[in-house]
């Protein structure tokens, strides 16, 4: 055996079709501005979206090591953080207090809806 066959030899040959030249010419900026002015469409810079306010980072040593990922509305999340800030406690403590209050109130969703 004298050698291996070049598997990419066909790719090394030049293409058998020519590329088409660009036929459209770009429109001038002044023409675009004239058309916009004639149609009462003024140019303006895009509005930058407001950045949400960052919360102060919380660092508590509580011994809690379980993760609870939940989905909530922005309003509910804000209420949750506001409750934690007002009591100056970790988020896990707010959850524990809320669950304690729910258990003290008694009842379940099924019993409330049947009344």
N, C-alpha and C. Protein backbone atom coordinates (compact mmCIF):
# COMPACT_ATOMS: atom_id res chain seq x y z
N UNK A 1 0.82 -1.17 0.00
CA UNK A 1 0.00 0.00 0.00
C UNK A 1 0.87 1.24 0.00
N UNK A 2 0.61 2.12 -0.94
CA UNK A 2 1.45 3.31 -1.08
C UNK A 2 0.99 4.45 -0.19
N UNK A 3 -0.27 4.55 0.17
CA UNK A 3 -0.75 5.66 1.01
C UNK A 3 -2.26 5.67 1.10
N UNK A 4 -2.74 6.60 1.80
CA UNK A 4 -4.19 6.70 2.00
C UNK A 4 -4.80 7.64 0.97
N UNK A 5 -6.08 7.46 0.76
CA UNK A 5 -6.83 8.32 -0.14
C UNK A 5 -7.24 9.56 0.63
N UNK A 6 -7.09 10.73 0.00
CA UNK A 6 -7.47 11.98 0.64
C UNK A 6 -8.99 12.14 0.55
N UNK A 7 -9.67 12.02 1.68
CA UNK A 7 -11.14 12.09 1.71
C UNK A 7 -11.64 13.50 1.40
N UNK A 8 -10.80 14.50 1.57
CA UNK A 8 -11.20 15.89 1.37
C UNK A 8 -10.70 16.48 0.05
N UNK A 9 -10.25 15.64 -0.85
CA UNK A 9 -9.72 16.11 -2.13
C UNK A 9 -10.77 16.84 -2.94
N UNK A 10 -12.02 16.38 -2.87
CA UNK A 10 -13.08 17.03 -3.65
C UNK A 10 -13.35 18.45 -3.12
N UNK A 11 -13.12 18.68 -1.86
CA UNK A 11 -13.36 19.99 -1.28
C UNK A 11 -12.27 20.99 -1.64
N UNK A 12 -11.11 20.52 -2.02
CA UNK A 12 -10.00 21.39 -2.36
C UNK A 12 -10.16 22.00 -3.75
N UNK A 13 -11.03 21.41 -4.58
CA UNK A 13 -11.26 21.95 -5.92
C UNK A 13 -12.08 23.23 -5.79
N UNK A 14 -11.86 24.15 -6.71
CA UNK A 14 -12.59 25.41 -6.66
C UNK A 14 -14.05 25.17 -7.03
N UNK A 15 -14.90 26.06 -6.56
CA UNK A 15 -16.33 25.93 -6.80
C UNK A 15 -16.63 26.10 -8.29
N UNK A 16 -17.62 25.37 -8.79
CA UNK A 16 -17.94 25.43 -10.20
C UNK A 16 -18.98 26.51 -10.51
N UNK A 17 -19.41 27.24 -9.51
CA UNK A 17 -20.38 28.31 -9.74
C UNK A 17 -19.82 29.62 -9.17
N UNK A 18 -20.02 30.70 -9.91
CA UNK A 18 -19.52 31.99 -9.42
C UNK A 18 -20.53 32.62 -8.44
N UNK A 19 -20.03 33.46 -7.57
CA UNK A 19 -20.92 34.18 -6.65
C UNK A 19 -21.49 35.38 -7.36
N UNK A 20 -22.70 35.73 -7.01
CA UNK A 20 -23.36 36.86 -7.65
C UNK A 20 -22.94 38.15 -6.97
N UNK A 21 -22.69 39.19 -7.76
CA UNK A 21 -22.34 40.47 -7.14
C UNK A 21 -23.58 41.11 -6.50
N UNK A 22 -23.36 41.96 -5.52
CA UNK A 22 -24.44 42.64 -4.84
C UNK A 22 -25.06 43.66 -5.79
N UNK A 23 -26.39 43.61 -5.98
CA UNK A 23 -27.04 44.50 -6.93
C UNK A 23 -27.66 45.71 -6.26
N UNK A 24 -28.05 45.60 -4.99
CA UNK A 24 -28.68 46.72 -4.31
C UNK A 24 -27.63 47.65 -3.72
N UNK A 25 -27.91 48.93 -3.87
CA UNK A 25 -27.03 49.91 -3.23
C UNK A 25 -27.71 50.39 -1.97
N UNK A 26 -26.98 50.65 -0.92
CA UNK A 26 -27.60 51.09 0.32
C UNK A 26 -28.24 52.48 0.16
N UNK A 27 -29.33 52.69 0.88
CA UNK A 27 -30.04 53.96 0.85
C UNK A 27 -29.30 54.93 1.76
N UNK A 28 -29.21 56.16 1.31
CA UNK A 28 -28.50 57.17 2.10
C UNK A 28 -29.30 57.55 3.34
N UNK A 29 -28.58 57.89 4.40
CA UNK A 29 -29.22 58.28 5.66
C UNK A 29 -30.11 59.51 5.48
N UNK A 30 -29.66 60.45 4.66
CA UNK A 30 -30.44 61.68 4.46
C UNK A 30 -31.78 61.37 3.81
N UNK A 31 -31.84 60.40 2.91
CA UNK A 31 -33.10 60.02 2.27
C UNK A 31 -34.05 59.40 3.30
N UNK A 32 -33.52 58.59 4.18
CA UNK A 32 -34.34 57.98 5.23
C UNK A 32 -34.89 59.06 6.15
N UNK A 33 -34.05 60.01 6.53
CA UNK A 33 -34.50 61.09 7.41
C UNK A 33 -35.56 61.95 6.73
N UNK A 34 -35.42 62.21 5.42
CA UNK A 34 -36.41 62.99 4.68
C UNK A 34 -37.76 62.28 4.66
N UNK A 35 -37.76 61.00 4.39
CA UNK A 35 -39.01 60.23 4.35
C UNK A 35 -39.66 60.21 5.73
N UNK A 36 -38.86 60.03 6.78
CA UNK A 36 -39.39 60.01 8.14
C UNK A 36 -40.01 61.37 8.49
N UNK A 37 -39.34 62.46 8.11
CA UNK A 37 -39.85 63.80 8.41
C UNK A 37 -41.15 64.06 7.66
N UNK A 38 -41.24 63.63 6.40
CA UNK A 38 -42.45 63.82 5.59
C UNK A 38 -43.65 63.05 6.16
N UNK A 39 -43.38 61.92 6.77
CA UNK A 39 -44.46 61.09 7.32
C UNK A 39 -44.66 61.32 8.82
N UNK A 40 -44.07 62.39 9.34
CA UNK A 40 -44.23 62.77 10.76
C UNK A 40 -43.81 61.64 11.69
N UNK A 41 -42.66 61.07 11.41
CA UNK A 41 -42.12 59.99 12.22
C UNK A 41 -40.73 60.42 12.70
N UNK A 42 -40.67 61.15 13.83
CA UNK A 42 -39.37 61.68 14.28
C UNK A 42 -38.47 60.57 14.82
N UNK A 43 -37.20 60.79 14.67
CA UNK A 43 -36.21 59.86 15.19
C UNK A 43 -35.94 60.19 16.65
N UNK A 44 -35.82 59.17 17.46
CA UNK A 44 -35.53 59.39 18.88
C UNK A 44 -34.72 58.21 19.40
N UNK A 45 -33.95 58.45 20.44
CA UNK A 45 -33.16 57.33 20.99
C UNK A 45 -34.08 56.34 21.71
N UNK A 46 -33.66 55.12 21.75
CA UNK A 46 -34.43 54.08 22.42
C UNK A 46 -34.41 54.30 23.93
N UNK A 47 -35.52 54.00 24.57
CA UNK A 47 -35.58 54.11 26.02
C UNK A 47 -34.82 52.97 26.66
N UNK A 48 -34.04 53.29 27.66
CA UNK A 48 -33.31 52.25 28.38
C UNK A 48 -34.23 51.69 29.45
N UNK A 49 -34.31 50.37 29.54
CA UNK A 49 -35.19 49.79 30.56
C UNK A 49 -34.65 50.10 31.96
N UNK A 50 -35.56 50.37 32.87
CA UNK A 50 -35.16 50.69 34.23
C UNK A 50 -34.60 49.44 34.90
N UNK A 51 -33.49 49.59 35.56
CA UNK A 51 -32.89 48.46 36.25
C UNK A 51 -33.62 48.25 37.57
N UNK A 52 -33.95 47.00 37.88
CA UNK A 52 -34.62 46.75 39.15
C UNK A 52 -33.67 47.05 40.31
N UNK A 53 -34.24 47.52 41.38
CA UNK A 53 -33.43 47.88 42.55
C UNK A 53 -32.87 46.62 43.19
N UNK A 54 -31.57 46.63 43.45
CA UNK A 54 -30.93 45.47 44.07
C UNK A 54 -31.14 45.51 45.57
N UNK A 55 -31.45 44.36 46.11
CA UNK A 55 -31.65 44.26 47.55
C UNK A 55 -30.30 44.13 48.25
N UNK A 56 -30.28 44.54 49.48
CA UNK A 56 -29.08 44.38 50.29
C UNK A 56 -28.87 42.89 50.53
N UNK A 57 -27.62 42.44 50.41
CA UNK A 57 -27.33 41.02 50.57
C UNK A 57 -27.51 40.62 52.04
N UNK A 58 -28.07 39.46 52.25
CA UNK A 58 -28.36 38.98 53.60
C UNK A 58 -27.38 37.86 53.96
N UNK A 59 -26.82 37.95 55.13
CA UNK A 59 -25.91 36.91 55.62
C UNK A 59 -26.31 36.57 57.05
N UNK A 60 -26.89 35.41 57.24
CA UNK A 60 -27.28 34.93 58.56
C UNK A 60 -26.71 33.53 58.73
N UNK A 61 -26.25 33.22 59.91
CA UNK A 61 -25.80 31.86 60.24
C UNK A 61 -26.92 31.22 61.05
N UNK A 62 -27.74 30.42 60.39
CA UNK A 62 -28.93 29.88 61.05
C UNK A 62 -28.90 28.37 61.19
N UNK A 63 -28.03 27.70 60.48
CA UNK A 63 -28.02 26.25 60.52
C UNK A 63 -28.98 25.64 59.52
N UNK A 64 -29.73 26.46 58.83
CA UNK A 64 -30.64 25.94 57.81
C UNK A 64 -29.82 25.63 56.56
N UNK A 65 -30.04 24.44 56.01
CA UNK A 65 -29.24 24.08 54.85
C UNK A 65 -30.08 23.43 53.75
N UNK A 66 -31.39 23.54 53.80
CA UNK A 66 -32.26 22.98 52.78
C UNK A 66 -32.74 24.09 51.86
N UNK A 67 -32.76 23.78 50.57
CA UNK A 67 -33.19 24.78 49.58
C UNK A 67 -34.67 24.58 49.26
N UNK A 68 -35.40 25.69 49.15
CA UNK A 68 -36.80 25.65 48.75
C UNK A 68 -36.98 26.67 47.64
N UNK A 69 -37.05 26.20 46.41
CA UNK A 69 -37.22 27.10 45.27
C UNK A 69 -38.70 27.19 44.92
N UNK A 70 -39.23 28.39 44.91
CA UNK A 70 -40.65 28.58 44.59
C UNK A 70 -40.79 29.69 43.57
N UNK A 71 -41.93 29.70 42.87
CA UNK A 71 -42.26 30.76 41.92
C UNK A 71 -43.34 31.60 42.57
N UNK A 72 -43.21 32.91 42.45
CA UNK A 72 -44.20 33.81 43.02
C UNK A 72 -44.26 35.06 42.17
N UNK A 73 -45.33 35.83 42.36
CA UNK A 73 -45.44 37.10 41.63
C UNK A 73 -44.47 38.10 42.24
N UNK A 74 -44.19 39.14 41.49
CA UNK A 74 -43.27 40.18 41.98
C UNK A 74 -43.83 40.81 43.26
N UNK A 75 -45.14 40.99 43.31
CA UNK A 75 -45.77 41.58 44.50
C UNK A 75 -45.58 40.69 45.73
N UNK A 76 -45.76 39.38 45.56
CA UNK A 76 -45.60 38.45 46.68
C UNK A 76 -44.16 38.42 47.16
N UNK A 77 -43.23 38.40 46.24
CA UNK A 77 -41.81 38.41 46.62
C UNK A 77 -41.47 39.69 47.37
N UNK A 78 -41.99 40.82 46.91
CA UNK A 78 -41.73 42.09 47.59
C UNK A 78 -42.32 42.08 49.00
N UNK A 79 -43.52 41.54 49.15
CA UNK A 79 -44.14 41.44 50.48
C UNK A 79 -43.30 40.54 51.39
N UNK A 80 -42.79 39.46 50.84
CA UNK A 80 -41.99 38.51 51.62
C UNK A 80 -40.72 39.18 52.13
N UNK A 81 -40.01 39.88 51.25
CA UNK A 81 -38.78 40.57 51.66
C UNK A 81 -39.09 41.71 52.62
N UNK A 82 -40.20 42.40 52.41
CA UNK A 82 -40.58 43.50 53.30
C UNK A 82 -40.86 42.98 54.71
N UNK A 83 -41.52 41.81 54.81
CA UNK A 83 -41.78 41.20 56.11
C UNK A 83 -40.47 40.82 56.80
N UNK A 84 -39.52 40.28 56.05
CA UNK A 84 -38.22 39.91 56.63
C UNK A 84 -37.46 41.15 57.08
N UNK A 85 -37.49 42.20 56.27
CA UNK A 85 -36.78 43.43 56.63
C UNK A 85 -37.40 44.08 57.86
N UNK A 86 -38.73 44.08 57.95
CA UNK A 86 -39.40 44.72 59.09
C UNK A 86 -39.07 44.01 60.40
N UNK A 87 -38.88 42.69 60.33
CA UNK A 87 -38.58 41.92 61.55
C UNK A 87 -37.08 41.69 61.74
N UNK A 88 -36.29 42.05 60.73
CA UNK A 88 -34.84 41.85 60.75
C UNK A 88 -34.49 40.39 61.02
N UNK A 89 -35.14 39.50 60.26
CA UNK A 89 -34.92 38.06 60.40
C UNK A 89 -34.63 37.48 59.02
N UNK A 90 -34.04 36.28 58.96
CA UNK A 90 -33.80 35.62 57.67
C UNK A 90 -35.11 35.21 57.00
N UNK A 91 -35.04 34.96 55.71
CA UNK A 91 -36.22 34.58 54.95
C UNK A 91 -36.82 33.26 55.44
N UNK A 92 -35.97 32.35 55.86
CA UNK A 92 -36.46 31.07 56.39
C UNK A 92 -37.29 31.26 57.64
N UNK A 93 -36.93 32.24 58.45
CA UNK A 93 -37.69 32.52 59.67
C UNK A 93 -39.05 33.10 59.32
N UNK A 94 -39.12 33.95 58.30
CA UNK A 94 -40.41 34.50 57.87
C UNK A 94 -41.30 33.37 57.38
N UNK A 95 -40.74 32.42 56.64
CA UNK A 95 -41.51 31.28 56.16
C UNK A 95 -42.02 30.46 57.34
N UNK A 96 -41.16 30.22 58.33
CA UNK A 96 -41.57 29.46 59.50
C UNK A 96 -42.69 30.18 60.25
N UNK A 97 -42.57 31.49 60.43
CA UNK A 97 -43.61 32.26 61.11
C UNK A 97 -44.93 32.21 60.34
N UNK A 98 -44.85 32.31 59.02
CA UNK A 98 -46.06 32.27 58.20
C UNK A 98 -46.74 30.90 58.29
N UNK A 99 -45.94 29.83 58.27
CA UNK A 99 -46.51 28.49 58.38
C UNK A 99 -47.12 28.27 59.75
N UNK A 100 -46.46 28.78 60.81
CA UNK A 100 -47.03 28.68 62.16
C UNK A 100 -48.37 29.39 62.23
N UNK A 101 -48.46 30.59 61.66
CA UNK A 101 -49.71 31.35 61.67
C UNK A 101 -50.78 30.62 60.87
N UNK A 102 -50.41 30.01 59.77
CA UNK A 102 -51.37 29.27 58.96
C UNK A 102 -51.91 28.06 59.72
N UNK A 103 -51.03 27.37 60.42
CA UNK A 103 -51.47 26.21 61.20
C UNK A 103 -52.36 26.63 62.37
N UNK A 104 -52.04 27.76 63.01
CA UNK A 104 -52.89 28.27 64.11
C UNK A 104 -54.27 28.66 63.61
N UNK A 105 -54.33 29.21 62.39
CA UNK A 105 -55.62 29.61 61.82
C UNK A 105 -56.47 28.39 61.53
N UNK A 106 -55.84 27.25 61.29
CA UNK A 106 -56.55 26.00 61.04
C UNK A 106 -57.26 25.99 59.72
N UNK A 107 -57.84 24.86 59.43
CA UNK A 107 -58.58 24.73 58.19
C UNK A 107 -57.67 24.51 57.00
N UNK A 108 -58.28 24.01 55.96
CA UNK A 108 -57.57 23.78 54.71
C UNK A 108 -58.33 24.47 53.60
N UNK A 109 -57.76 24.51 52.45
CA UNK A 109 -58.41 25.16 51.31
C UNK A 109 -59.71 24.45 50.97
N UNK A 110 -59.73 23.12 51.09
CA UNK A 110 -60.95 22.36 50.75
C UNK A 110 -62.08 22.71 51.70
N UNK A 111 -61.78 22.82 52.99
CA UNK A 111 -62.85 23.14 53.95
C UNK A 111 -63.33 24.56 53.81
N UNK A 112 -62.46 25.48 53.38
CA UNK A 112 -62.86 26.87 53.19
C UNK A 112 -63.73 27.02 51.96
N UNK A 113 -63.47 26.27 50.90
CA UNK A 113 -64.22 26.41 49.66
C UNK A 113 -65.59 25.74 49.76
N UNK A 114 -65.78 24.76 50.66
CA UNK A 114 -67.07 24.08 50.76
C UNK A 114 -68.05 24.86 51.61
N UNK A 115 -67.59 25.85 52.37
CA UNK A 115 -68.50 26.61 53.23
C UNK A 115 -69.36 27.55 52.45
